[in-house]
């Protein structure tokens, strides 16, 4: 069990369903917080770190593996929703189009969405697909928090520089949260952000 700050304590986290088509989406009921990012950016690792359950979300060394929307019921009161990774070059245009429709269908058709966590890799400047995602969620008015993952992969002396590049590149008014699923750095800031959406 992972004990977080008083604003959020995760006592239970259960995988409920994988959705491969927007027609399969469960009826909106509880509040939902979604997570999106490029393939292999570390969404599964973040979910496992956030919930304190190592095997809840399956991690893979193969980018583009997650092709479904995965729902996790948290504390029996809200859903954490893992969206398919985008931007992986080795999938067909047909697959990319299918994933795009699935992501857009979810984000535009869920009145229960409270916010979106957009993951980017802190080691690299934002890529074109990251910029497209940011522009899209802004145009649809979806509250978004960018999280810069894999913080442990760069030296402490270079972190601020990398964050500045990400914040400027994405035009963020609300700075990205630097995060490491290995060390847990940034976990408190992330849970605080989620708590505000759920209040």
N, C-alpha and C. Protein backbone atom coordinates (compact mmCIF):
# COMPACT_ATOMS: atom_id res chain seq x y z
N UNK A 1 0.84 -1.19 0.00
CA UNK A 1 0.00 0.00 0.00
C UNK A 1 0.88 1.24 0.00
N UNK A 2 0.54 2.17 -0.89
CA UNK A 2 1.34 3.38 -1.00
C UNK A 2 0.63 4.51 -0.28
N UNK A 3 1.24 5.05 0.73
CA UNK A 3 0.65 6.15 1.48
C UNK A 3 1.15 7.46 0.91
N UNK A 4 0.22 8.25 0.39
CA UNK A 4 0.57 9.52 -0.21
C UNK A 4 0.21 10.64 0.75
N UNK A 5 0.30 11.88 0.29
CA UNK A 5 -0.05 13.01 1.13
C UNK A 5 -1.53 12.96 1.49
N UNK A 6 -1.93 13.72 2.46
CA UNK A 6 -3.30 13.69 2.93
C UNK A 6 -4.29 13.97 1.81
N UNK A 7 -3.87 14.73 0.80
CA UNK A 7 -4.78 15.04 -0.30
C UNK A 7 -5.14 13.81 -1.12
N UNK A 8 -4.30 12.79 -1.08
CA UNK A 8 -4.62 11.56 -1.81
C UNK A 8 -3.93 10.37 -1.18
N UNK A 9 -4.71 9.35 -0.95
CA UNK A 9 -4.17 8.08 -0.45
C UNK A 9 -4.78 6.97 -1.30
N UNK A 10 -3.94 6.20 -1.94
CA UNK A 10 -4.43 5.12 -2.79
C UNK A 10 -4.44 3.83 -1.99
N UNK A 11 -5.65 3.38 -1.66
CA UNK A 11 -5.81 2.15 -0.89
C UNK A 11 -6.12 0.94 -1.77
N UNK A 12 -6.68 1.20 -2.93
CA UNK A 12 -6.99 0.10 -3.84
C UNK A 12 -6.85 0.56 -5.28
N UNK A 13 -6.35 -0.33 -6.12
CA UNK A 13 -6.18 -0.05 -7.55
C UNK A 13 -6.39 -1.36 -8.29
N UNK A 14 -7.39 -1.40 -9.14
CA UNK A 14 -7.77 -2.64 -9.82
C UNK A 14 -7.96 -2.40 -11.31
N UNK A 15 -7.31 -3.22 -12.13
CA UNK A 15 -7.55 -3.16 -13.57
C UNK A 15 -8.97 -3.66 -13.83
N UNK A 16 -9.72 -2.93 -14.67
CA UNK A 16 -11.11 -3.32 -14.91
C UNK A 16 -11.38 -3.76 -16.35
N UNK A 17 -10.88 -3.00 -17.34
CA UNK A 17 -11.22 -3.38 -18.72
C UNK A 17 -10.25 -2.76 -19.72
N UNK A 18 -10.04 -3.46 -20.84
CA UNK A 18 -9.29 -2.93 -21.97
C UNK A 18 -10.28 -2.69 -23.10
N UNK A 19 -10.17 -1.52 -23.74
CA UNK A 19 -11.09 -1.15 -24.80
C UNK A 19 -10.30 -0.94 -26.09
N UNK A 20 -10.71 -1.62 -27.16
CA UNK A 20 -10.01 -1.52 -28.44
C UNK A 20 -10.80 -0.73 -29.48
N UNK A 21 -12.03 -0.37 -29.13
CA UNK A 21 -12.88 0.38 -30.04
C UNK A 21 -13.74 1.32 -29.21
N UNK A 22 -13.96 2.53 -29.71
CA UNK A 22 -14.70 3.52 -28.93
C UNK A 22 -16.11 3.07 -28.59
N UNK A 23 -16.65 2.13 -29.37
CA UNK A 23 -18.00 1.63 -29.08
C UNK A 23 -18.01 0.75 -27.84
N UNK A 24 -16.82 0.29 -27.41
CA UNK A 24 -16.71 -0.58 -26.24
C UNK A 24 -16.52 0.20 -24.94
N UNK A 25 -16.39 1.52 -25.03
CA UNK A 25 -16.13 2.31 -23.82
C UNK A 25 -17.26 2.14 -22.81
N UNK A 26 -16.92 1.94 -21.54
CA UNK A 26 -17.96 1.82 -20.52
C UNK A 26 -18.72 3.14 -20.37
N UNK A 27 -19.94 3.06 -19.92
CA UNK A 27 -20.72 4.28 -19.73
C UNK A 27 -20.05 5.17 -18.69
N UNK A 28 -19.97 6.47 -18.96
CA UNK A 28 -19.36 7.40 -17.99
C UNK A 28 -20.10 7.36 -16.66
N UNK A 29 -19.35 7.20 -15.59
CA UNK A 29 -19.98 7.14 -14.27
C UNK A 29 -19.15 7.89 -13.24
N UNK A 30 -17.93 7.39 -12.97
CA UNK A 30 -17.06 8.00 -11.98
C UNK A 30 -16.09 8.98 -12.66
N UNK A 31 -15.49 9.88 -11.89
CA UNK A 31 -14.47 10.78 -12.46
C UNK A 31 -13.32 9.98 -13.08
N UNK A 32 -12.75 10.53 -14.15
CA UNK A 32 -11.66 9.86 -14.84
C UNK A 32 -10.49 10.82 -15.06
N UNK A 33 -9.29 10.31 -14.84
CA UNK A 33 -8.06 11.03 -15.18
C UNK A 33 -7.30 10.17 -16.17
N UNK A 34 -7.01 10.74 -17.34
CA UNK A 34 -6.36 9.97 -18.40
C UNK A 34 -4.87 10.28 -18.47
N UNK A 35 -4.13 9.33 -19.02
CA UNK A 35 -2.70 9.50 -19.25
C UNK A 35 -2.38 9.20 -20.69
N UNK A 36 -1.58 10.09 -21.30
CA UNK A 36 -1.23 9.91 -22.70
C UNK A 36 0.23 10.30 -22.91
N UNK A 37 0.86 9.74 -23.92
CA UNK A 37 2.25 10.06 -24.21
C UNK A 37 2.77 9.21 -25.34
N UNK A 38 3.96 9.55 -25.81
CA UNK A 38 4.58 8.76 -26.86
C UNK A 38 4.85 7.34 -26.38
N UNK A 39 4.92 6.43 -27.34
CA UNK A 39 5.24 5.04 -27.01
C UNK A 39 6.57 4.97 -26.27
N UNK A 40 6.64 4.15 -25.25
CA UNK A 40 7.86 3.92 -24.48
C UNK A 40 8.29 5.11 -23.64
N UNK A 41 7.33 6.01 -23.30
CA UNK A 41 7.67 7.17 -22.47
C UNK A 41 7.59 6.85 -20.98
N UNK A 42 7.02 5.68 -20.65
CA UNK A 42 7.00 5.25 -19.26
C UNK A 42 5.65 5.36 -18.57
N UNK A 43 4.54 5.26 -19.32
CA UNK A 43 3.22 5.37 -18.70
C UNK A 43 2.96 4.24 -17.73
N UNK A 44 3.28 3.03 -18.14
CA UNK A 44 3.03 1.87 -17.26
C UNK A 44 3.83 1.96 -15.97
N UNK A 45 5.09 2.37 -16.09
CA UNK A 45 5.93 2.52 -14.90
C UNK A 45 5.39 3.60 -13.97
N UNK A 46 4.88 4.69 -14.56
CA UNK A 46 4.30 5.75 -13.74
C UNK A 46 3.06 5.26 -13.02
N UNK A 47 2.21 4.53 -13.72
CA UNK A 47 0.98 4.01 -13.11
C UNK A 47 1.33 3.08 -11.94
N UNK A 48 2.31 2.21 -12.15
CA UNK A 48 2.71 1.28 -11.08
C UNK A 48 3.30 2.01 -9.89
N UNK A 49 4.08 3.06 -10.15
CA UNK A 49 4.67 3.86 -9.07
C UNK A 49 3.59 4.63 -8.33
N UNK A 50 2.67 5.23 -9.07
CA UNK A 50 1.59 6.01 -8.48
C UNK A 50 0.71 5.17 -7.56
N UNK A 51 0.40 3.96 -7.99
CA UNK A 51 -0.50 3.10 -7.22
C UNK A 51 0.23 2.22 -6.21
N UNK A 52 1.55 2.13 -6.34
CA UNK A 52 2.31 1.29 -5.41
C UNK A 52 2.16 -0.19 -5.69
N UNK A 53 1.81 -0.53 -6.95
CA UNK A 53 1.60 -1.93 -7.33
C UNK A 53 2.42 -2.23 -8.58
N UNK A 54 3.50 -2.97 -8.39
CA UNK A 54 4.49 -3.16 -9.45
C UNK A 54 3.93 -3.76 -10.72
N UNK A 55 3.00 -4.69 -10.62
CA UNK A 55 2.52 -5.38 -11.81
C UNK A 55 1.16 -4.96 -12.28
N UNK A 56 0.65 -3.84 -11.78
CA UNK A 56 -0.70 -3.43 -12.18
C UNK A 56 -0.78 -3.13 -13.67
N UNK A 57 0.10 -2.27 -14.15
CA UNK A 57 0.17 -1.97 -15.58
C UNK A 57 1.39 -2.70 -16.14
N UNK A 58 1.21 -3.42 -17.20
CA UNK A 58 2.29 -4.21 -17.78
C UNK A 58 3.25 -3.32 -18.55
N UNK A 59 4.53 -3.41 -18.20
CA UNK A 59 5.55 -2.65 -18.92
C UNK A 59 6.10 -3.52 -20.04
N UNK A 60 6.56 -2.87 -21.10
CA UNK A 60 7.10 -3.60 -22.24
C UNK A 60 8.28 -2.85 -22.82
N UNK A 61 9.27 -3.60 -23.30
CA UNK A 61 10.43 -2.98 -23.95
C UNK A 61 10.14 -2.72 -25.43
N UNK A 62 8.95 -3.16 -25.88
CA UNK A 62 8.57 -2.98 -27.28
C UNK A 62 7.63 -1.79 -27.41
N UNK A 63 8.10 -0.67 -27.98
CA UNK A 63 7.24 0.50 -28.16
C UNK A 63 6.03 0.17 -29.03
N UNK A 64 4.90 0.80 -28.75
CA UNK A 64 3.70 0.58 -29.54
C UNK A 64 2.92 -0.64 -29.11
N UNK A 65 3.31 -1.26 -27.99
CA UNK A 65 2.67 -2.49 -27.53
C UNK A 65 1.23 -2.23 -27.07
N UNK A 66 1.02 -1.13 -26.36
CA UNK A 66 -0.31 -0.83 -25.85
C UNK A 66 -1.18 -0.27 -26.97
N UNK A 67 -2.17 -1.04 -27.37
CA UNK A 67 -3.04 -0.63 -28.46
C UNK A 67 -4.47 -0.42 -27.98
N UNK A 68 -4.67 -0.43 -26.68
CA UNK A 68 -6.01 -0.32 -26.12
C UNK A 68 -6.06 0.79 -25.08
N UNK A 69 -7.28 1.18 -24.71
CA UNK A 69 -7.49 2.07 -23.58
C UNK A 69 -7.73 1.18 -22.36
N UNK A 70 -6.89 1.34 -21.34
CA UNK A 70 -6.99 0.49 -20.15
C UNK A 70 -7.51 1.30 -18.96
N UNK A 71 -8.54 0.78 -18.31
CA UNK A 71 -9.17 1.44 -17.18
C UNK A 71 -8.73 0.78 -15.87
N UNK A 72 -8.34 1.61 -14.91
CA UNK A 72 -7.98 1.14 -13.57
C UNK A 72 -8.86 1.87 -12.55
N UNK A 73 -9.57 1.09 -11.75
CA UNK A 73 -10.45 1.67 -10.73
C UNK A 73 -9.62 1.96 -9.47
N UNK A 74 -9.59 3.24 -9.07
CA UNK A 74 -8.78 3.66 -7.93
C UNK A 74 -9.68 4.00 -6.75
N UNK A 75 -9.42 3.36 -5.64
CA UNK A 75 -10.18 3.60 -4.39
C UNK A 75 -11.69 3.44 -4.56
N UNK A 76 -12.06 2.73 -5.63
CA UNK A 76 -13.48 2.51 -5.94
C UNK A 76 -14.25 3.81 -6.13
N UNK A 77 -13.51 4.91 -6.40
CA UNK A 77 -14.18 6.22 -6.53
C UNK A 77 -13.83 6.95 -7.83
N UNK A 78 -12.73 6.58 -8.51
CA UNK A 78 -12.37 7.23 -9.77
C UNK A 78 -11.53 6.29 -10.63
N UNK A 79 -11.45 6.61 -11.92
CA UNK A 79 -10.70 5.78 -12.86
C UNK A 79 -9.43 6.49 -13.33
N UNK A 80 -8.34 5.72 -13.37
CA UNK A 80 -7.12 6.14 -14.04
C UNK A 80 -7.16 5.45 -15.40
N UNK A 81 -7.06 6.22 -16.48
CA UNK A 81 -7.26 5.67 -17.82
C UNK A 81 -5.98 5.82 -18.64
N UNK A 82 -5.43 4.69 -19.06
CA UNK A 82 -4.18 4.65 -19.82
C UNK A 82 -4.51 4.60 -21.31
N UNK A 83 -4.16 5.66 -22.04
CA UNK A 83 -4.44 5.73 -23.47
C UNK A 83 -3.28 5.15 -24.27
N UNK A 84 -3.54 4.67 -25.50
CA UNK A 84 -2.47 4.08 -26.31
C UNK A 84 -1.33 5.06 -26.56
N UNK A 85 -0.12 4.56 -26.58
CA UNK A 85 1.03 5.40 -26.89
C UNK A 85 0.99 5.84 -28.35
N UNK A 86 1.44 7.06 -28.61
CA UNK A 86 1.42 7.57 -29.97
C UNK A 86 2.85 7.81 -30.47
N UNK A 87 2.98 8.04 -31.76
CA UNK A 87 4.25 8.47 -32.33
C UNK A 87 5.26 7.38 -32.63
N UNK A 88 4.86 6.09 -32.51
CA UNK A 88 5.84 5.03 -32.79
C UNK A 88 5.91 4.78 -34.29
N UNK A 89 7.09 4.85 -34.85
CA UNK A 89 7.28 4.85 -36.31
C UNK A 89 7.02 3.49 -36.95
N UNK A 90 7.21 2.41 -36.21
CA UNK A 90 7.18 1.08 -36.83
C UNK A 90 5.80 0.44 -36.87
N UNK A 91 4.77 1.23 -36.77
CA UNK A 91 3.43 0.68 -36.97
C UNK A 91 2.87 1.27 -38.25
N UNK A 92 1.92 0.58 -38.84
CA UNK A 92 1.38 1.02 -40.12
C UNK A 92 0.54 2.29 -39.97
N UNK A 93 0.34 2.98 -41.10
CA UNK A 93 -0.50 4.17 -41.08
C UNK A 93 -1.91 3.82 -40.64
N UNK A 94 -2.36 2.64 -41.01
CA UNK A 94 -3.71 2.19 -40.64
C UNK A 94 -3.83 2.05 -39.13
N UNK A 95 -2.78 1.47 -38.51
CA UNK A 95 -2.78 1.32 -37.05
C UNK A 95 -2.74 2.68 -36.36
N UNK A 96 -1.89 3.59 -36.87
CA UNK A 96 -1.79 4.93 -36.29
C UNK A 96 -3.13 5.64 -36.37
N UNK A 97 -3.80 5.53 -37.50
CA UNK A 97 -5.10 6.17 -37.67
C UNK A 97 -6.12 5.59 -36.71
N UNK A 98 -6.04 4.27 -36.50
CA UNK A 98 -6.97 3.60 -35.59
C UNK A 98 -6.75 4.08 -34.16
N UNK A 99 -5.48 4.17 -33.74
CA UNK A 99 -5.17 4.64 -32.39
C UNK A 99 -5.61 6.08 -32.21
N UNK A 100 -5.37 6.90 -33.25
CA UNK A 100 -5.76 8.31 -33.18
C UNK A 100 -7.26 8.46 -33.00
N UNK A 101 -8.03 7.69 -33.75
CA UNK A 101 -9.49 7.73 -33.62
C UNK A 101 -9.92 7.29 -32.23
N UNK A 102 -9.25 6.28 -31.70
CA UNK A 102 -9.59 5.75 -30.38
C UNK A 102 -9.32 6.79 -29.30
N UNK A 103 -8.15 7.44 -29.37
CA UNK A 103 -7.79 8.46 -28.38
C UNK A 103 -8.74 9.66 -28.47
N UNK A 104 -8.96 10.15 -29.69
CA UNK A 104 -9.82 11.31 -29.87
C UNK A 104 -11.26 10.99 -29.49
N UNK A 105 -11.71 9.78 -29.83
CA UNK A 105 -13.06 9.38 -29.48
C UNK A 105 -13.27 9.36 -27.97
N UNK A 106 -12.23 8.92 -27.26
CA UNK A 106 -12.32 8.92 -25.79
C UNK A 106 -12.32 10.34 -25.24
N UNK A 107 -11.34 11.14 -25.65
CA UNK A 107 -11.17 12.47 -25.06
C UNK A 107 -12.33 13.42 -25.37
N UNK A 108 -13.00 13.23 -26.50
CA UNK A 108 -14.10 14.13 -26.86
C UNK A 108 -15.46 13.62 -26.38
N UNK A 109 -15.51 12.37 -25.94
CA UNK A 109 -16.82 11.81 -25.59
C UNK A 109 -17.01 11.40 -24.15
N UNK A 110 -16.14 11.88 -23.26
CA UNK A 110 -16.22 11.48 -21.86
C UNK A 110 -16.48 12.70 -20.98
N UNK A 111 -17.70 12.95 -20.58
CA UNK A 111 -18.00 14.09 -19.71
C UNK A 111 -17.41 13.95 -18.32
N UNK A 112 -16.94 12.75 -17.98
CA UNK A 112 -16.40 12.49 -16.65
C UNK A 112 -14.90 12.75 -16.56
N UNK A 113 -14.24 13.15 -17.66
CA UNK A 113 -12.80 13.45 -17.62
C UNK A 113 -12.56 14.69 -16.78
N UNK A 114 -11.70 14.55 -15.78
CA UNK A 114 -11.33 15.69 -14.94
C UNK A 114 -10.02 16.33 -15.38
N UNK A 115 -9.16 15.52 -16.02
CA UNK A 115 -7.87 16.05 -16.44
C UNK A 115 -7.08 15.02 -17.22
N UNK A 116 -6.02 15.50 -17.88
CA UNK A 116 -5.17 14.65 -18.69
C UNK A 116 -3.71 14.83 -18.27
N UNK A 117 -3.03 13.73 -17.99
CA UNK A 117 -1.60 13.76 -17.70
C UNK A 117 -0.87 13.43 -18.99
N UNK A 118 -0.10 14.38 -19.50
CA UNK A 118 0.63 14.22 -20.77
C UNK A 118 2.10 13.95 -20.46
N UNK A 119 2.55 12.73 -20.76
CA UNK A 119 3.92 12.34 -20.46
C UNK A 119 4.85 12.63 -21.62
N UNK A 120 6.02 13.21 -21.31
CA UNK A 120 7.09 13.41 -22.29
C UNK A 120 8.40 12.93 -21.66
N UNK A 121 9.35 12.59 -22.49
CA UNK A 121 10.66 12.11 -22.02
C UNK A 121 11.56 13.31 -21.76
N UNK A 122 12.01 13.47 -20.52
CA UNK A 122 12.81 14.64 -20.14
C UNK A 122 14.14 14.69 -20.88
N UNK A 123 14.58 13.59 -21.42
CA UNK A 123 15.89 13.55 -22.09
C UNK A 123 15.88 14.21 -23.46
N UNK A 124 14.69 14.38 -24.03
CA UNK A 124 14.62 14.87 -25.41
C UNK A 124 13.71 16.10 -25.52
N UNK A 125 14.00 17.01 -26.46
CA UNK A 125 13.09 18.12 -26.72
C UNK A 125 11.75 17.57 -27.21
N UNK A 126 10.66 18.30 -27.01
CA UNK A 126 9.36 17.83 -27.49
C UNK A 126 9.40 17.53 -28.98
N UNK A 127 8.78 16.42 -29.35
CA UNK A 127 8.72 16.04 -30.76
C UNK A 127 7.42 16.57 -31.37
N UNK A 128 7.33 16.48 -32.68
CA UNK A 128 6.16 17.02 -33.39
C UNK A 128 4.86 16.44 -32.86
N UNK A 129 4.85 15.14 -32.58
CA UNK A 129 3.63 14.50 -32.07
C UNK A 129 3.26 15.02 -30.68
N UNK A 130 4.26 15.39 -29.88
CA UNK A 130 3.98 15.99 -28.56
C UNK A 130 3.32 17.35 -28.73
N UNK A 131 3.83 18.13 -29.67
CA UNK A 131 3.27 19.45 -29.94
C UNK A 131 1.84 19.34 -30.44
N UNK A 132 1.60 18.38 -31.33
CA UNK A 132 0.25 18.18 -31.86
C UNK A 132 -0.71 17.81 -30.74
N UNK A 133 -0.28 16.95 -29.83
CA UNK A 133 -1.14 16.56 -28.71
C UNK A 133 -1.46 17.75 -27.82
N UNK A 134 -0.46 18.57 -27.51
CA UNK A 134 -0.70 19.75 -26.68
C UNK A 134 -1.66 20.72 -27.34
N UNK A 135 -1.48 20.96 -28.63
CA UNK A 135 -2.37 21.87 -29.34
C UNK A 135 -3.80 21.33 -29.37
N UNK A 136 -3.92 20.03 -29.52
CA UNK A 136 -5.24 19.41 -29.60
C UNK A 136 -5.98 19.53 -28.26
N UNK A 137 -5.32 19.21 -27.15
CA UNK A 137 -6.01 19.26 -25.86
C UNK A 137 -6.34 20.70 -25.47
N UNK A 138 -5.49 21.64 -25.86
CA UNK A 138 -5.79 23.04 -25.58
C UNK A 138 -7.02 23.51 -26.34
N UNK A 139 -7.10 23.08 -27.60
CA UNK A 139 -8.23 23.50 -28.42
C UNK A 139 -9.54 22.92 -27.91
N UNK A 140 -9.45 21.81 -27.17
CA UNK A 140 -10.65 21.18 -26.62
C UNK A 140 -10.87 21.53 -25.15
N UNK A 141 -10.00 22.38 -24.61
CA UNK A 141 -10.19 22.85 -23.25
C UNK A 141 -10.05 21.79 -22.17
N UNK A 142 -9.21 20.79 -22.40
CA UNK A 142 -9.03 19.72 -21.41
C UNK A 142 -7.90 20.11 -20.45
N UNK A 143 -8.17 20.18 -19.14
CA UNK A 143 -7.11 20.48 -18.17
C UNK A 143 -5.97 19.46 -18.31
N UNK A 144 -4.75 19.96 -18.41
CA UNK A 144 -3.62 19.08 -18.69
C UNK A 144 -2.43 19.40 -17.80
N UNK A 145 -1.77 18.34 -17.33
CA UNK A 145 -0.51 18.48 -16.60
C UNK A 145 0.55 17.68 -17.33
N UNK A 146 1.61 18.34 -17.78
CA UNK A 146 2.71 17.64 -18.43
C UNK A 146 3.64 17.07 -17.36
N UNK A 147 4.05 15.83 -17.54
CA UNK A 147 5.00 15.18 -16.65
C UNK A 147 6.21 14.74 -17.47
N UNK A 148 7.39 15.18 -17.07
CA UNK A 148 8.63 14.82 -17.77
C UNK A 148 9.24 13.60 -17.10
N UNK A 149 9.11 12.45 -17.74
CA UNK A 149 9.52 11.18 -17.16
C UNK A 149 11.01 10.90 -17.32
N UNK A 150 11.46 9.81 -16.66
CA UNK A 150 12.84 9.31 -16.76
C UNK A 150 13.86 10.31 -16.23
N UNK A 151 13.47 11.00 -15.16
CA UNK A 151 14.33 12.00 -14.53
C UNK A 151 15.65 11.41 -14.08
N UNK A 152 15.63 10.14 -13.67
CA UNK A 152 16.84 9.49 -13.17
C UNK A 152 17.87 9.22 -14.28
N UNK A 153 17.47 9.41 -15.52
CA UNK A 153 18.36 9.11 -16.65
C UNK A 153 19.31 10.26 -16.98
N UNK A 154 19.10 11.43 -16.36
CA UNK A 154 19.99 12.55 -16.64
C UNK A 154 20.59 13.06 -15.33
N UNK A 155 21.73 13.72 -15.42
CA UNK A 155 22.41 14.21 -14.22
C UNK A 155 21.65 15.38 -13.62
N UNK A 156 21.80 15.57 -12.31
CA UNK A 156 21.10 16.66 -11.61
C UNK A 156 21.46 18.02 -12.18
N UNK A 157 22.70 18.17 -12.62
CA UNK A 157 23.14 19.45 -13.13
C UNK A 157 22.49 19.86 -14.46
N UNK A 158 21.94 18.88 -15.17
CA UNK A 158 21.33 19.17 -16.48
C UNK A 158 19.80 19.19 -16.44
N UNK A 159 19.21 18.89 -15.28
CA UNK A 159 17.75 18.76 -15.21
C UNK A 159 17.02 20.06 -15.52
N UNK A 160 17.48 21.15 -14.93
CA UNK A 160 16.81 22.43 -15.12
C UNK A 160 16.84 22.84 -16.59
N UNK A 161 17.97 22.61 -17.24
CA UNK A 161 18.11 22.95 -18.66
C UNK A 161 17.12 22.16 -19.50
N UNK A 162 17.00 20.85 -19.22
CA UNK A 162 16.08 20.00 -19.98
C UNK A 162 14.63 20.42 -19.75
N UNK A 163 14.29 20.77 -18.51
CA UNK A 163 12.93 21.21 -18.20
C UNK A 163 12.60 22.51 -18.91
N UNK A 164 13.55 23.43 -18.97
CA UNK A 164 13.32 24.70 -19.66
C UNK A 164 13.02 24.46 -21.13
N UNK A 165 13.73 23.53 -21.74
CA UNK A 165 13.51 23.22 -23.15
C UNK A 165 12.11 22.66 -23.36
N UNK A 166 11.68 21.78 -22.46
CA UNK A 166 10.34 21.19 -22.57
C UNK A 166 9.26 22.24 -22.35
N UNK A 167 9.40 23.04 -21.29
CA UNK A 167 8.39 24.06 -20.98
C UNK A 167 8.26 25.07 -22.12
N UNK A 168 9.41 25.50 -22.66
CA UNK A 168 9.38 26.46 -23.76
C UNK A 168 8.88 25.83 -25.04
N UNK A 169 9.34 24.61 -25.31
CA UNK A 169 8.96 23.93 -26.55
C UNK A 169 7.47 23.67 -26.65
N UNK A 170 6.85 23.35 -25.51
CA UNK A 170 5.41 23.07 -25.50
C UNK A 170 4.59 24.30 -25.16
N UNK A 171 5.27 25.41 -24.85
CA UNK A 171 4.56 26.64 -24.50
C UNK A 171 3.72 26.50 -23.25
N UNK A 172 4.29 25.91 -22.22
CA UNK A 172 3.53 25.60 -21.01
C UNK A 172 3.45 26.78 -20.05
N UNK A 173 2.24 27.16 -19.68
CA UNK A 173 2.05 28.15 -18.63
C UNK A 173 2.21 27.48 -17.27
N UNK A 174 1.78 26.22 -17.20
CA UNK A 174 1.93 25.40 -15.99
C UNK A 174 3.12 24.46 -16.23
N UNK A 175 4.25 24.67 -15.55
CA UNK A 175 5.47 23.91 -15.84
C UNK A 175 5.30 22.40 -15.71
N UNK A 176 6.10 21.68 -16.46
CA UNK A 176 6.11 20.22 -16.39
C UNK A 176 6.63 19.77 -15.03
N UNK A 177 6.10 18.64 -14.57
CA UNK A 177 6.57 18.03 -13.33
C UNK A 177 7.65 17.01 -13.68
N UNK A 178 8.89 17.18 -13.20
CA UNK A 178 9.93 16.17 -13.44
C UNK A 178 9.63 14.94 -12.59
N UNK A 179 9.75 13.75 -13.20
CA UNK A 179 9.32 12.53 -12.51
C UNK A 179 10.25 11.36 -12.81
N UNK A 180 10.46 10.53 -11.79
CA UNK A 180 11.19 9.27 -11.96
C UNK A 180 10.43 8.14 -11.28
N UNK A 181 10.08 7.13 -12.05
CA UNK A 181 9.41 5.96 -11.48
C UNK A 181 10.39 5.11 -10.69
N UNK A 182 11.70 5.32 -10.92
CA UNK A 182 12.73 4.55 -10.22
C UNK A 182 12.95 5.09 -8.81
N UNK A 183 13.07 6.43 -8.69
CA UNK A 183 13.36 7.04 -7.38
C UNK A 183 12.11 7.58 -6.69
N UNK A 184 11.04 7.76 -7.44
CA UNK A 184 9.82 8.34 -6.87
C UNK A 184 9.82 9.85 -6.84
N UNK A 185 10.87 10.48 -7.37
CA UNK A 185 10.92 11.94 -7.41
C UNK A 185 9.77 12.47 -8.27
N UNK A 186 9.09 13.49 -7.77
CA UNK A 186 7.98 14.08 -8.50
C UNK A 186 6.64 13.46 -8.18
N UNK A 187 6.63 12.37 -7.42
CA UNK A 187 5.38 11.67 -7.11
C UNK A 187 4.44 12.55 -6.29
N UNK A 188 4.97 13.25 -5.30
CA UNK A 188 4.14 14.11 -4.46
C UNK A 188 3.50 15.22 -5.28
N UNK A 189 4.28 15.84 -6.16
CA UNK A 189 3.75 16.92 -7.00
C UNK A 189 2.66 16.40 -7.94
N UNK A 190 2.86 15.20 -8.45
CA UNK A 190 1.87 14.62 -9.35
C UNK A 190 0.56 14.31 -8.62
N UNK A 191 0.68 13.69 -7.45
CA UNK A 191 -0.54 13.35 -6.71
C UNK A 191 -1.29 14.60 -6.25
N UNK A 192 -0.55 15.64 -5.95
CA UNK A 192 -1.19 16.91 -5.59
C UNK A 192 -2.01 17.44 -6.77
N UNK A 193 -1.45 17.33 -7.98
CA UNK A 193 -2.15 17.80 -9.17
C UNK A 193 -3.42 16.98 -9.42
N UNK A 194 -3.31 15.67 -9.23
CA UNK A 194 -4.48 14.79 -9.42
C UNK A 194 -5.55 15.12 -8.38
N UNK A 195 -5.12 15.38 -7.17
CA UNK A 195 -6.07 15.69 -6.08
C UNK A 195 -6.90 16.92 -6.40
N UNK A 196 -6.27 17.93 -6.98
CA UNK A 196 -6.99 19.16 -7.32
C UNK A 196 -8.08 18.87 -8.34
N UNK A 197 -7.79 17.98 -9.31
CA UNK A 197 -8.79 17.62 -10.31
C UNK A 197 -9.95 16.84 -9.70
N UNK A 198 -9.67 16.08 -8.67
CA UNK A 198 -10.69 15.19 -8.10
C UNK A 198 -11.53 15.85 -7.00
N UNK A 199 -11.10 17.01 -6.56
CA UNK A 199 -11.85 17.69 -5.48
C UNK A 199 -13.18 18.23 -6.01
